[in-house]
C-alpha atoms as a PDB file:
ATOM      1  CA  MET A   1    -292.816 314.527  42.518  1.00  0.00           C
ATOM      2  CA  PRO A   2    -291.675 314.204  38.887  1.00  0.00           C
ATOM      3  CA  SER A   3    -288.068 314.708  37.886  1.00  0.00           C
ATOM      4  CA  ARG A   4    -287.142 318.150  36.566  1.00  0.00           C
ATOM      5  CA  SER A   5    -285.532 316.448  33.578  1.00  0.00           C
ATOM      6  CA  THR A   6    -289.013 315.510  32.342  1.00  0.00           C
ATOM      7  CA  VAL A   7    -290.113 319.091  31.786  1.00  0.00           C
ATOM      8  CA  LEU A   8    -286.716 320.751  31.373  1.00  0.00           C
ATOM      9  CA  ALA A   9    -285.242 318.382  28.809  1.00  0.00           C
ATOM     10  CA  ALA A  10    -284.426 321.184  26.359  1.00  0.00           C
ATOM     11  CA  ALA A  11    -282.520 323.220  28.931  1.00  0.00           C
ATOM     12  CA  VAL A  12    -279.386 321.098  28.586  1.00  0.00           C
ATOM     13  CA  ALA A  13    -278.848 322.587  25.137  1.00  0.00           C
ATOM     14  CA  LEU A  14    -278.625 326.113  26.520  1.00  0.00           C
ATOM     15  CA  VAL A  15    -275.895 327.952  28.376  1.00  0.00           C
ATOM     16  CA  ALA A  16    -274.926 327.365  31.998  1.00  0.00           C
ATOM     17  CA  VAL A  17    -272.906 330.139  33.656  1.00  0.00           C
ATOM     18  CA  PRO A  18    -270.996 329.639  36.934  1.00  0.00           C
ATOM     19  CA  ALA A  19    -272.448 331.257  40.043  1.00  0.00           C
ATOM     20  CA  CYS A  20    -270.991 333.693  42.565  1.00  0.00           C
ATOM     21  CA  ASN A  21    -272.102 335.312  45.841  1.00  0.00           C
ATOM     22  CA  GLU A  22    -275.016 337.680  46.427  1.00  0.00           C
ATOM     23  CA  SER A  23    -276.963 339.059  49.372  1.00  0.00           C
ATOM     24  CA  PRO A  24    -280.739 339.629  49.347  1.00  0.00           C
ATOM     25  CA  THR A  25    -281.822 343.050  48.070  1.00  0.00           C
ATOM     26  CA  ALA A  26    -285.009 345.105  48.325  1.00  0.00           C
ATOM     27  CA  LEU A  27    -287.555 345.320  45.541  1.00  0.00           C
ATOM     28  CA  GLU A  28    -286.870 348.298  43.270  1.00  0.00           C
ATOM     29  CA  PRO A  29    -289.785 350.649  42.444  1.00  0.00           C
ATOM     30  CA  ASP A  30    -291.453 350.015  39.079  1.00  0.00           C
ATOM     31  CA  PRO A  31    -294.474 351.872  37.624  1.00  0.00           C
ATOM     32  CA  SER A  32    -295.576 348.784  35.689  1.00  0.00           C
ATOM     33  CA  PRO A  33    -299.014 347.251  36.425  1.00  0.00           C
ATOM     34  CA  ILE A  34    -299.129 344.859  39.359  1.00  0.00           C
ATOM     35  CA  ARG A  35    -299.110 341.289  38.113  1.00  0.00           C
ATOM     36  CA  THR A  36    -299.472 337.946  39.860  1.00  0.00           C
ATOM     37  CA  VAL A  37    -297.101 335.038  39.360  1.00  0.00           C
ATOM     38  CA  VAL A  38    -297.317 331.363  40.252  1.00  0.00           C
ATOM     39  CA  VAL A  39    -293.998 329.804  41.279  1.00  0.00           C
ATOM     40  CA  HIS A  40    -293.236 326.166  41.979  1.00  0.00           C
ATOM     41  CA  ARG A  41    -291.138 325.342  45.032  1.00  0.00           C
ATOM     42  CA  PHE A  42    -289.004 322.413  44.014  1.00  0.00           C
ATOM     43  CA  ASP A  43    -287.856 321.946  47.606  1.00  0.00           C
ATOM     44  CA  SER A  44    -291.342 321.386  49.062  1.00  0.00           C
ATOM     45  CA  GLY A  45    -293.490 320.654  45.994  1.00  0.00           C
ATOM     46  CA  ARG A  46    -295.825 323.538  46.856  1.00  0.00           C
ATOM     47  CA  ASN A  47    -297.030 326.196  44.438  1.00  0.00           C
ATOM     48  CA  VAL A  48    -297.012 329.780  45.712  1.00  0.00           C
ATOM     49  CA  LEU A  49    -298.326 333.120  44.433  1.00  0.00           C
ATOM     50  CA  LEU A  50    -296.358 336.372  44.265  1.00  0.00           C
ATOM     51  CA  ASN A  51    -297.357 339.911  43.301  1.00  0.00           C
ATOM     52  CA  THR A  52    -294.796 341.839  41.299  1.00  0.00           C
ATOM     53  CA  ASP A  53    -294.947 344.823  43.662  1.00  0.00           C
ATOM     54  CA  GLY A  54    -294.095 342.633  46.644  1.00  0.00           C
ATOM     55  CA  SER A  55    -297.626 342.704  48.125  1.00  0.00           C
ATOM     56  CA  ASP A  56    -299.516 339.662  49.351  1.00  0.00           C
ATOM     57  CA  ALA A  57    -301.001 337.579  46.517  1.00  0.00           C
ATOM     58  CA  GLY A  58    -302.912 335.152  48.705  1.00  0.00           C
ATOM     59  CA  ALA A  59    -302.391 331.424  48.970  1.00  0.00           C
ATOM     60  CA  MET A  60    -302.352 328.776  46.271  1.00  0.00           C
ATOM     61  CA  THR A  61    -304.716 325.936  47.040  1.00  0.00           C
ATOM     62  CA  ALA A  62    -303.074 322.959  48.728  1.00  0.00           C
ATOM     63  CA  ALA A  63    -304.832 320.727  46.185  1.00  0.00           C
ATOM     64  CA  THR A  64    -301.996 321.496  43.756  1.00  0.00           C
ATOM     65  CA  ASP A  65    -299.211 320.457  46.149  1.00  0.00           C
ATOM     66  CA  GLY A  66    -296.886 318.054  44.366  1.00  0.00           C
ATOM     67  CA  MET A  67    -298.077 319.185  40.932  1.00  0.00           C
ATOM     68  CA  VAL A  68    -295.645 321.060  38.695  1.00  0.00           C
ATOM     69  CA  PRO A  69    -297.089 324.067  36.787  1.00  0.00           C
ATOM     70  CA  VAL A  70    -295.703 323.684  33.248  1.00  0.00           C
ATOM     71  CA  GLY A  71    -297.815 326.283  31.423  1.00  0.00           C
ATOM     72  CA  ALA A  72    -300.211 329.117  32.197  1.00  0.00           C
ATOM     73  CA  SER A  73    -302.610 331.499  30.489  1.00  0.00           C
ATOM     74  CA  ALA A  74    -303.164 334.721  32.389  1.00  0.00           C
ATOM     75  CA  ALA A  75    -306.256 335.606  30.323  1.00  0.00           C
ATOM     76  CA  SER A  76    -308.403 333.020  32.127  1.00  0.00           C
ATOM     77  CA  ARG A  77    -305.942 332.195  34.908  1.00  0.00           C
ATOM     78  CA  LEU A  78    -305.601 328.665  33.579  1.00  0.00           C
ATOM     79  CA  VAL A  79    -302.668 326.490  34.612  1.00  0.00           C
ATOM     80  CA  VAL A  80    -301.462 323.200  33.155  1.00  0.00           C
ATOM     81  CA  PHE A  81    -299.892 320.939  35.773  1.00  0.00           C
ATOM     82  CA  LEU A  82    -297.728 317.875  35.476  1.00  0.00           C
ATOM     83  CA  HIS A  83    -299.353 315.501  37.968  1.00  0.00           C
ATOM     84  CA  GLY A  84    -297.309 312.322  38.161  1.00  0.00           C
ATOM     85  CA  THR A  85    -297.344 311.049  34.590  1.00  0.00           C
ATOM     86  CA  ALA A  86    -300.493 312.976  33.639  1.00  0.00           C
ATOM     87  CA  LEU A  87    -301.015 316.451  32.225  1.00  0.00           C
ATOM     88  CA  VAL A  88    -303.971 318.179  33.900  1.00  0.00           C
ATOM     89  CA  LEU A  89    -305.661 321.559  33.510  1.00  0.00           C
ATOM     90  CA  GLY A  90    -307.178 323.720  36.203  1.00  0.00           C
ATOM     91  CA  SER A  91    -307.910 327.346  37.016  1.00  0.00           C
ATOM     92  CA  LEU A  92    -305.843 329.279  39.522  1.00  0.00           C
ATOM     93  CA  ASP A  93    -308.479 328.926  42.243  1.00  0.00           C
ATOM     94  CA  LEU A  94    -309.646 325.508  40.989  1.00  0.00           C
ATOM     95  CA  SER A  95    -313.120 326.919  40.270  1.00  0.00           C
ATOM     96  CA  VAL A  96    -312.714 324.788  37.155  1.00  0.00           C
ATOM     97  CA  ARG A  97    -312.181 321.199  38.245  1.00  0.00           C
ATOM     98  CA  LEU A  98    -308.936 319.513  37.295  1.00  0.00           C
ATOM     99  CA  ASP A  99    -309.306 318.128  33.801  1.00  0.00           C
ATOM    100  CA  THR A 100    -306.975 315.444  32.463  1.00  0.00           C
ATOM    101  CA  LEU A 101    -305.507 316.408  29.097  1.00  0.00           C
ATOM    102  CA  LEU A 102    -303.182 313.431  28.755  1.00  0.00           C
ATOM    103  CA  ALA A 103    -303.229 310.429  31.054  1.00  0.00           C
ATOM    104  CA  ARG A 104    -299.597 309.696  30.253  1.00  0.00           C
ATOM    105  CA  VAL A 105    -297.107 312.279  29.027  1.00  0.00           C
ATOM    106  CA  PRO A 106    -294.178 311.456  26.712  1.00  0.00           C
ATOM    107  CA  ASP A 107    -290.969 310.209  28.288  1.00  0.00           C
ATOM    108  CA  GLN A 108    -289.330 313.562  27.503  1.00  0.00           C
ATOM    109  CA  MET A 109    -291.252 316.754  26.860  1.00  0.00           C
ATOM    110  CA  SER A 110    -290.932 320.521  26.947  1.00  0.00           C
ATOM    111  CA  LEU A 111    -292.927 323.079  28.862  1.00  0.00           C
ATOM    112  CA  VAL A 112    -296.456 323.802  27.644  1.00  0.00           C
ATOM    113  CA  ALA A 113    -297.868 326.717  25.615  1.00  0.00           C
ATOM    114  CA  PHE A 114    -301.456 327.917  25.215  1.00  0.00           C
ATOM    115  CA  SER A 115    -302.908 329.186  21.952  1.00  0.00           C
ATOM    116  CA  HIS A 116    -304.123 332.786  22.096  1.00  0.00           C
ATOM    117  CA  ASP A 117    -307.765 331.667  22.141  1.00  0.00           C
ATOM    118  CA  GLU A 118    -306.910 329.061  24.826  1.00  0.00           C
ATOM    119  CA  GLN A 119    -308.478 326.249  22.811  1.00  0.00           C
ATOM    120  CA  PHE A 120    -305.160 324.499  22.193  1.00  0.00           C
ATOM    121  CA  VAL A 121    -302.335 323.369  24.446  1.00  0.00           C
ATOM    122  CA  ALA A 122    -299.034 322.461  22.769  1.00  0.00           C
ATOM    123  CA  PHE A 123    -295.669 321.054  23.819  1.00  0.00           C
ATOM    124  CA  VAL A 124    -292.616 319.434  22.283  1.00  0.00           C
ATOM    125  CA  SER A 125    -292.350 315.663  22.592  1.00  0.00           C
ATOM    126  CA  TYR A 126    -288.768 314.392  22.331  1.00  0.00           C
ATOM    127  CA  ALA A 127    -289.360 310.715  23.031  1.00  0.00           C
ATOM    128  CA  PRO A 128    -290.807 308.360  22.039  1.00  0.00           C
ATOM    129  CA  VAL A 129    -292.479 310.673  19.472  1.00  0.00           C
ATOM    130  CA  GLU A 130    -290.469 313.498  17.894  1.00  0.00           C
ATOM    131  CA  ALA A 131    -293.175 316.080  17.254  1.00  0.00           C
ATOM    132  CA  VAL A 132    -295.095 318.993  18.653  1.00  0.00           C
ATOM    133  CA  LEU A 133    -298.254 317.606  20.236  1.00  0.00           C
ATOM    134  CA  VAL A 134    -301.302 319.895  20.108  1.00  0.00           C
ATOM    135  CA  TYR A 135    -304.227 319.110  22.385  1.00  0.00           C
ATOM    136  CA  ASP A 136    -307.606 320.447  21.233  1.00  0.00           C
ATOM    137  CA  ARG A 137    -309.596 321.221  24.391  1.00  0.00           C
ATOM    138  CA  ALA A 138    -312.919 321.520  22.565  1.00  0.00           C
ATOM    139  CA  ASN A 139    -312.695 318.209  20.708  1.00  0.00           C
ATOM    140  CA  ARG A 140    -310.475 316.414  23.259  1.00  0.00           C
ATOM    141  CA  ARG A 141    -308.106 315.322  20.524  1.00  0.00           C
ATOM    142  CA  THR A 142    -304.321 315.404  20.237  1.00  0.00           C
ATOM    143  CA  ASP A 143    -302.727 316.225  16.888  1.00  0.00           C
ATOM    144  CA  THR A 144    -299.139 315.401  15.988  1.00  0.00           C
ATOM    145  CA  LEU A 145    -296.968 317.902  14.089  1.00  0.00           C
ATOM    146  CA  PRO A 146    -293.539 316.393  13.238  1.00  0.00           C
ATOM    147  CA  TYR A 147    -290.761 318.958  13.589  1.00  0.00           C
ATOM    148  CA  GLY A 148    -288.270 317.164  11.356  1.00  0.00           C
ATOM    149  CA  PRO A 149    -284.474 316.866  11.719  1.00  0.00           C
ATOM    150  CA  ILE A 150    -284.056 319.449  14.476  1.00  0.00           C
ATOM    151  CA  ILE A 151    -283.952 319.372  18.272  1.00  0.00           C
ATOM    152  CA  PRO A 152    -286.189 322.108  19.702  1.00  0.00           C
ATOM    153  CA  VAL A 153    -284.638 323.878  22.679  1.00  0.00           C
ATOM    154  CA  LEU A 154    -287.645 325.973  23.742  1.00  0.00           C
ATOM    155  CA  PRO A 155    -291.373 325.306  24.129  1.00  0.00           C
ATOM    156  CA  PRO A 156    -293.580 326.114  21.117  1.00  0.00           C
ATOM    157  CA  ALA A 157    -295.198 329.521  20.582  1.00  0.00           C
ATOM    158  CA  PHE A 158    -298.495 330.101  18.767  1.00  0.00           C
ATOM    159  CA  SER A 159    -298.840 332.934  16.244  1.00  0.00           C
ATOM    160  CA  PRO A 160    -301.416 335.635  17.148  1.00  0.00           C
ATOM    161  CA  ASP A 161    -303.980 334.014  14.813  1.00  0.00           C
ATOM    162  CA  ASP A 162    -303.042 330.510  16.073  1.00  0.00           C
ATOM    163  CA  ALA A 163    -302.408 329.389  12.469  1.00  0.00           C
ATOM    164  CA  ARG A 164    -298.674 328.773  12.997  1.00  0.00           C
ATOM    165  CA  ILE A 165    -296.463 327.390  15.739  1.00  0.00           C
ATOM    166  CA  ALA A 166    -292.830 328.455  16.152  1.00  0.00           C
ATOM    167  CA  VAL A 167    -290.126 326.222  17.598  1.00  0.00           C
ATOM    168  CA  PHE A 168    -286.476 327.159  18.036  1.00  0.00           C
ATOM    169  CA  SER A 169    -283.427 324.955  17.662  1.00  0.00           C
ATOM    170  CA  LEU A 170    -279.676 325.578  17.311  1.00  0.00           C
ATOM    171  CA  ASN A 171    -276.965 324.746  14.823  1.00  0.00           C
ATOM    172  CA  ASP A 172    -273.258 325.251  15.537  1.00  0.00           C
ATOM    173  CA  LEU A 173    -273.479 329.037  15.322  1.00  0.00           C
ATOM    174  CA  SER A 174    -277.036 330.257  14.885  1.00  0.00           C
ATOM    175  CA  LEU A 175    -280.598 330.100  16.072  1.00  0.00           C
ATOM    176  CA  VAL A 176    -282.900 328.104  13.810  1.00  0.00           C
ATOM    177  CA  LEU A 177    -286.632 328.806  13.503  1.00  0.00           C
ATOM    178  CA  THR A 178    -289.102 326.147  12.345  1.00  0.00           C
ATOM    179  CA  GLU A 179    -292.718 327.043  11.653  1.00  0.00           C
ATOM    180  CA  LEU A 180    -295.390 324.341  11.905  1.00  0.00           C
ATOM    181  CA  PHE A 181    -298.963 324.572  10.644  1.00  0.00           C
ATOM    182  CA  PRO A 182    -301.751 322.941  12.708  1.00  0.00           C
ATOM    183  CA  ALA A 183    -304.060 322.832   9.685  1.00  0.00           C
ATOM    184  CA  ASP A 184    -301.436 320.946   7.631  1.00  0.00           C
ATOM    185  CA  ALA A 185    -299.347 318.577   9.745  1.00  0.00           C
ATOM    186  CA  ALA A 186    -297.065 317.688   6.814  1.00  0.00           C
ATOM    187  CA  ARG A 187    -296.029 321.296   6.217  1.00  0.00           C
ATOM    188  CA  ARG A 188    -293.083 322.935   7.933  1.00  0.00           C
ATOM    189  CA  VAL A 189    -290.709 325.789   7.100  1.00  0.00           C
ATOM    190  CA  THR A 190    -287.221 325.964   8.626  1.00  0.00           C
ATOM    191  CA  ASN A 191    -284.859 328.945   8.400  1.00  0.00           C
ATOM    192  CA  VAL A 192    -281.432 329.582   9.861  1.00  0.00           C
ATOM    193  CA  LEU A 193    -281.623 332.998  11.524  1.00  0.00           C
ATOM    194  CA  PRO A 194    -278.905 335.649  11.159  1.00  0.00           C
ATOM    195  CA  ILE A 195    -278.518 335.548  14.939  1.00  0.00           C
ATOM    196  CA  SER A 196    -275.537 334.010  16.726  1.00  0.00           C
ATOM    197  CA  HIS A 197    -276.481 332.074  19.841  1.00  0.00           C
ATOM    198  CA  LEU A 198    -272.877 332.525  20.952  1.00  0.00           C
ATOM    199  CA  VAL A 199    -273.572 336.271  21.349  1.00  0.00           C
ATOM    200  CA  ASN A 200    -277.290 336.119  22.166  1.00  0.00           C
ATOM    201  CA  ARG A 201    -277.485 333.051  24.389  1.00  0.00           C
ATOM    202  CA  PRO A 202    -281.082 331.835  24.785  1.00  0.00           C
ATOM    203  CA  ILE A 203    -282.548 331.334  28.241  1.00  0.00           C
ATOM    204  CA  PHE A 204    -284.850 328.368  28.763  1.00  0.00           C
ATOM    205  CA  GLY A 205    -288.455 329.439  29.219  1.00  0.00           C
ATOM    206  CA  TRP A 206    -291.592 330.453  27.353  1.00  0.00           C
ATOM    207  CA  PRO A 207    -291.210 332.524  24.159  1.00  0.00           C
ATOM    208  CA  ARG A 208    -294.300 334.538  23.157  1.00  0.00           C
ATOM    209  CA  TRP A 209    -295.447 335.316  19.619  1.00  0.00           C
ATOM    210  CA  THR A 210    -296.799 338.870  19.749  1.00  0.00           C
ATOM    211  CA  ALA A 211    -297.885 341.314  17.037  1.00  0.00           C
ATOM    212  CA  GLY A 212    -294.240 342.353  16.704  1.00  0.00           C
ATOM    213  CA  GLY A 213    -292.825 338.844  16.294  1.00  0.00           C
ATOM    214  CA  VAL A 214    -291.674 335.999  18.518  1.00  0.00           C
ATOM    215  CA  ALA A 215    -290.315 337.482  21.754  1.00  0.00           C
ATOM    216  CA  LEU A 216    -287.694 335.622  23.750  1.00  0.00           C
ATOM    217  CA  ALA A 217    -285.034 336.288  26.370  1.00  0.00           C
ATOM    218  CA  VAL A 218    -281.283 335.975  25.848  1.00  0.00           C
ATOM    219  CA  VAL A 219    -278.123 336.704  27.825  1.00  0.00           C
ATOM    220  CA  ARG A 220    -275.142 338.713  26.655  1.00  0.00           C
ATOM    221  CA  LEU A 221    -272.063 337.831  28.642  1.00  0.00           C
ATOM    222  CA  ALA A 222    -269.921 340.640  30.045  1.00  0.00           C
ATOM    223  CA  THR A 223    -266.119 340.515  30.022  1.00  0.00           C
ATOM    224  CA  GLU A 224    -266.279 342.078  33.494  1.00  0.00           C
ATOM    225  CA  GLY A 225    -269.112 342.491  35.956  1.00  0.00           C
ATOM    226  CA  ALA A 226    -272.713 341.445  35.524  1.00  0.00           C
ATOM    227  CA  ASP A 227    -274.152 339.992  32.346  1.00  0.00           C
ATOM    228  CA  THR A 228    -277.145 341.595  30.595  1.00  0.00           C
ATOM    229  CA  LEU A 229    -280.545 340.052  29.993  1.00  0.00           C
ATOM    230  CA  LEU A 230    -282.178 341.151  26.742  1.00  0.00           C
ATOM    231  CA  VAL A 231    -285.763 340.722  25.594  1.00  0.00           C
ATOM    232  CA  GLY A 232    -286.110 340.948  21.838  1.00  0.00           C
ATOM    233  CA  SER A 233    -288.220 339.655  18.997  1.00  0.00           C
ATOM    234  CA  ILE A 234    -287.807 337.848  15.700  1.00  0.00           C
ATOM    235  CA  ASP A 235    -290.353 338.484  12.966  1.00  0.00           C
ATOM    236  CA  PRO A 236    -290.973 335.205  11.072  1.00  0.00           C
ATOM    237  CA  ASP A 237    -292.311 337.254   8.156  1.00  0.00           C
ATOM    238  CA  ASN A 238    -289.163 339.398   8.002  1.00  0.00           C
ATOM    239  CA  LEU A 239    -286.260 337.213   9.074  1.00  0.00           C
ATOM    240  CA  GLY A 240    -283.730 339.642   7.605  1.00  0.00           C
ATOM    241  CA  GLY A 241    -284.640 342.020  10.388  1.00  0.00           C
ATOM    242  CA  GLY A 242    -282.688 339.845  12.823  1.00  0.00           C
ATOM    243  CA  PHE A 243    -283.141 340.137  16.574  1.00  0.00           C
ATOM    244  CA  ASP A 244    -284.976 343.355  17.387  1.00  0.00           C
ATOM    245  CA  GLU A 245    -284.143 344.363  20.965  1.00  0.00           C
ATOM    246  CA  GLU A 246    -287.116 345.506  23.044  1.00  0.00           C
ATOM    247  CA  TYR A 247    -285.506 346.156  26.449  1.00  0.00           C
ATOM    248  CA  ARG A 248    -282.643 345.003  28.646  1.00  0.00           C
ATOM    249  CA  ALA A 249    -281.660 344.694  32.298  1.00  0.00           C
ATOM    250  CA  VAL A 250    -278.307 344.378  34.034  1.00  0.00           C
ATOM    251  CA  MET A 251    -278.284 341.139  36.003  1.00  0.00           C
ATOM    252  CA  ALA A 252    -277.226 342.698  39.301  1.00  0.00           C
ATOM    253  CA  PRO A 253    -279.929 344.145  41.569  1.00  0.00           C
ATOM    254  CA  VAL A 254    -279.424 347.683  42.927  1.00  0.00           C
ATOM    255  CA  SER A 255    -275.801 348.288  41.869  1.00  0.00           C
ATOM    256  CA  ASP A 256    -272.684 346.755  40.380  1.00  0.00           C
ATOM    257  CA  ALA A 257    -271.469 346.285  43.940  1.00  0.00           C
ATOM    258  CA  ARG A 258    -273.955 343.430  44.234  1.00  0.00           C
ATOM    259  CA  PRO A 259    -272.832 340.049  42.920  1.00  0.00           C
ATOM    260  CA  PRO A 260    -274.496 339.263  39.597  1.00  0.00           C
ATOM    261  CA  VAL A 261    -277.441 336.985  38.968  1.00  0.00           C
ATOM    262  CA  GLU A 262    -276.512 333.913  36.930  1.00  0.00           C
ATOM    263  CA  ILE A 263    -278.391 331.715  34.480  1.00  0.00           C
ATOM    264  CA  GLY A 264    -278.058 327.980  35.113  1.00  0.00           C
ATOM    265  CA  VAL A 265    -279.414 324.926  33.312  1.00  0.00           C
ATOM    266  CA  ASN A 266    -282.539 324.897  35.520  1.00  0.00           C
ATOM    267  CA  SER A 267    -283.249 328.629  35.252  1.00  0.00           C
ATOM    268  CA  SER A 268    -286.363 329.681  33.358  1.00  0.00           C
ATOM    269  CA  TYR A 269    -288.476 332.699  32.486  1.00  0.00           C
ATOM    270  CA  ALA A 270    -291.945 333.649  31.291  1.00  0.00           C
ATOM    271  CA  LEU A 271    -293.206 336.704  29.416  1.00  0.00           C
ATOM    272  CA  THR A 272    -296.512 338.531  29.579  1.00  0.00           C
ATOM    273  CA  ALA A 273    -298.774 338.231  26.532  1.00  0.00           C
ATOM    274  CA  ASP A 274    -297.433 341.482  25.072  1.00  0.00           C
ATOM    275  CA  GLY A 275    -293.822 340.656  25.970  1.00  0.00           C
ATOM    276  CA  ARG A 276    -293.436 343.832  28.051  1.00  0.00           C
ATOM    277  CA  ALA A 277    -292.632 342.127  31.351  1.00  0.00           C
ATOM    278  CA  LEU A 278    -290.601 339.072  32.250  1.00  0.00           C
ATOM    279  CA  ILE A 279    -290.409 336.913  35.362  1.00  0.00           C
ATOM    280  CA  LEU A 280    -287.183 334.986  35.934  1.00  0.00           C
ATOM    281  CA  ALA A 281    -286.003 332.201  38.227  1.00  0.00           C
ATOM    282  CA  ALA A 282    -282.205 332.334  38.329  1.00  0.00           C
ATOM    283  CA  GLU A 283    -279.255 331.689  40.600  1.00  0.00           C
ATOM    284  CA  PRO A 284    -278.701 334.550  43.077  1.00  0.00           C
ATOM    285  CA  GLY A 285    -274.988 333.850  43.334  1.00  0.00           C
ATOM    286  CA  THR A 286    -274.973 332.359  46.816  1.00  0.00           C
ATOM    287  CA  GLY A 287    -273.063 329.294  45.732  1.00  0.00           C
ATOM    288  CA  PHE A 288    -275.703 326.924  47.158  1.00  0.00           C
ATOM    289  CA  GLY A 289    -277.231 325.890  43.833  1.00  0.00           C
ATOM    290  CA  ARG A 290    -280.609 327.502  44.429  1.00  0.00           C
ATOM    291  CA  HIS A 291    -282.904 330.047  42.776  1.00  0.00           C
ATOM    292  CA  ALA A 292    -284.347 333.466  43.484  1.00  0.00           C
ATOM    293  CA  VAL A 293    -287.162 335.147  41.534  1.00  0.00           C
ATOM    294  CA  TYR A 294    -286.697 338.423  39.621  1.00  0.00           C
ATOM    295  CA  LEU A 295    -288.871 340.835  37.641  1.00  0.00           C
ATOM    296  CA  VAL A 296    -287.656 342.509  34.437  1.00  0.00           C
ATOM    297  CA  THR A 297    -289.494 345.387  32.723  1.00  0.00           C
ATOM    298  CA  PRO A 298    -288.558 348.236  30.362  1.00  0.00           C
ATOM    299  CA  ASN A 299    -288.931 350.717  33.246  1.00  0.00           C
ATOM    300  CA  VAL A 300    -286.018 349.605  35.428  1.00  0.00           C
ATOM    301  CA  ALA A 301    -282.494 349.069  34.134  1.00  0.00           C
ATOM    302  CA  ARG A 302    -281.713 346.201  36.517  1.00  0.00           C
ATOM    303  CA  VAL A 303    -283.372 342.937  37.450  1.00  0.00           C
ATOM    304  CA  GLN A 304    -285.671 343.431  40.441  1.00  0.00           C
ATOM    305  CA  LEU A 305    -285.636 340.928  43.270  1.00  0.00           C
ATOM    306  CA  LEU A 306    -289.012 339.474  44.266  1.00  0.00           C
ATOM    307  CA  LEU A 307    -288.100 336.408  46.326  1.00  0.00           C
ATOM    308  CA  ASP A 308    -284.807 335.246  47.819  1.00  0.00           C
ATOM    309  CA  ASP A 309    -285.163 332.741  50.639  1.00  0.00           C
ATOM    310  CA  PRO A 310    -282.329 330.283  51.428  1.00  0.00           C
ATOM    311  CA  ALA A 311    -284.963 327.740  52.507  1.00  0.00           C
ATOM    312  CA  GLN A 312    -286.742 327.801  49.139  1.00  0.00           C
ATOM    313  CA  TYR A 313    -285.933 326.665  45.607  1.00  0.00           C
ATOM    314  CA  PRO A 314    -288.482 328.523  43.438  1.00  0.00           C
ATOM    315  CA  THR A 315    -288.615 327.577  39.763  1.00  0.00           C
ATOM    316  CA  LEU A 316    -290.865 327.753  36.676  1.00  0.00           C
ATOM    317  CA  PRO A 317    -292.412 331.199  37.397  1.00  0.00           C
ATOM    318  CA  GLN A 318    -295.385 332.132  35.209  1.00  0.00           C
ATOM    319  CA  PHE A 319    -297.828 335.026  34.991  1.00  0.00           C
ATOM    320  CA  VAL A 320    -301.363 334.169  36.071  1.00  0.00           C
ATOM    321  CA  ARG A 321    -302.656 337.758  36.199  1.00  0.00           C
ATOM    322  CA  GLU A 322    -301.521 340.585  33.929  1.00  0.00           C
END
C-alpha cells in the first residue's frame, strides 16, 4: 500500500492540534438528503461505503482493496484510485473497467479533483514537476500548468465553467489564491487574500468551486472547550468580500460534556458539489492516533458521528452519491 505522504504531502503545511479523550456517540438526526460516502481504511487497505443516516450502504468491491481513493465525482460515481505508482479510474461498482490515467504518478502529489463535466482530472505535482497536471480523459493527454513561486496546500478546484483552476497557498499571515487557466498554460493570477490563516486555519481536503465561490473548511480555535469547524467561500471575482461563512459546527458531538474532535495532519474532508454538506475524518480524542468519521451540515450545530471503531483507521472520506 502506498505511503500516506504521497497523497497527503500538502497536509504538513496545515495545522495540527493535540488530541484528547472521547467516547463513541450516537448519530444525531439530520433532515438532509441521505448521501453515500466512500472511506479508505488505512489499517486494512479496504475501501468501505457509509450512508450519512447510518443505514447500510452495501459493500465496496474487493477489487479495490489496497487502492487508495484520492478523488471522486458523485455525479457519475467515479473514483480515482492510487494503485501502487499508478493513477486509475473506475466507477463505484466497477461497471466501468479500471482505466489507467497515469502509469507513474509524481514523487509527491496532492489529492485529485474532477472538472464539473468530468472530462478532466487535476492534481498538484510537487516533485519532480512543480505544476498542476490536468488529464484530459477524452483525448488521453496530460497538460502541465505551472503554478509559479508558491507551494499549494490544497488540491485544485475547477470553476463551474471549467475555464479556471484555483489553488491555495499560504504566506506568513494570509491565504493566497492562484488562478490557473487550462486554455493558456502560461497565464496565472495570484492574489493575497484578506483572510488570516492564523484565525481561519485551513483543513486539508477537497475545496469546491460553486456558484457562490470556492468553498473550503477551516477551524477556529477556542480558548476553552471545543473548536469550531466553519465552511465558507471565497469569490475569486470579488476578493474584497473576504471569507463568507456558510455554516458552522461545534467539534464536539452531542454536548460540551463530550471531549472535542481534533484536526491532525492526516485529517481530511470533502464537500458535496453545492458545498452544503461536509464529510470529515478527524481524531476522536481517544489518544490512540486514529480517526473517526463525521458529517457536518447546516441543519445540525454539532459534528455528527458516523463511524468510530477502535479497530479501524478511516481516512480520505468522499461523497459518491449526493
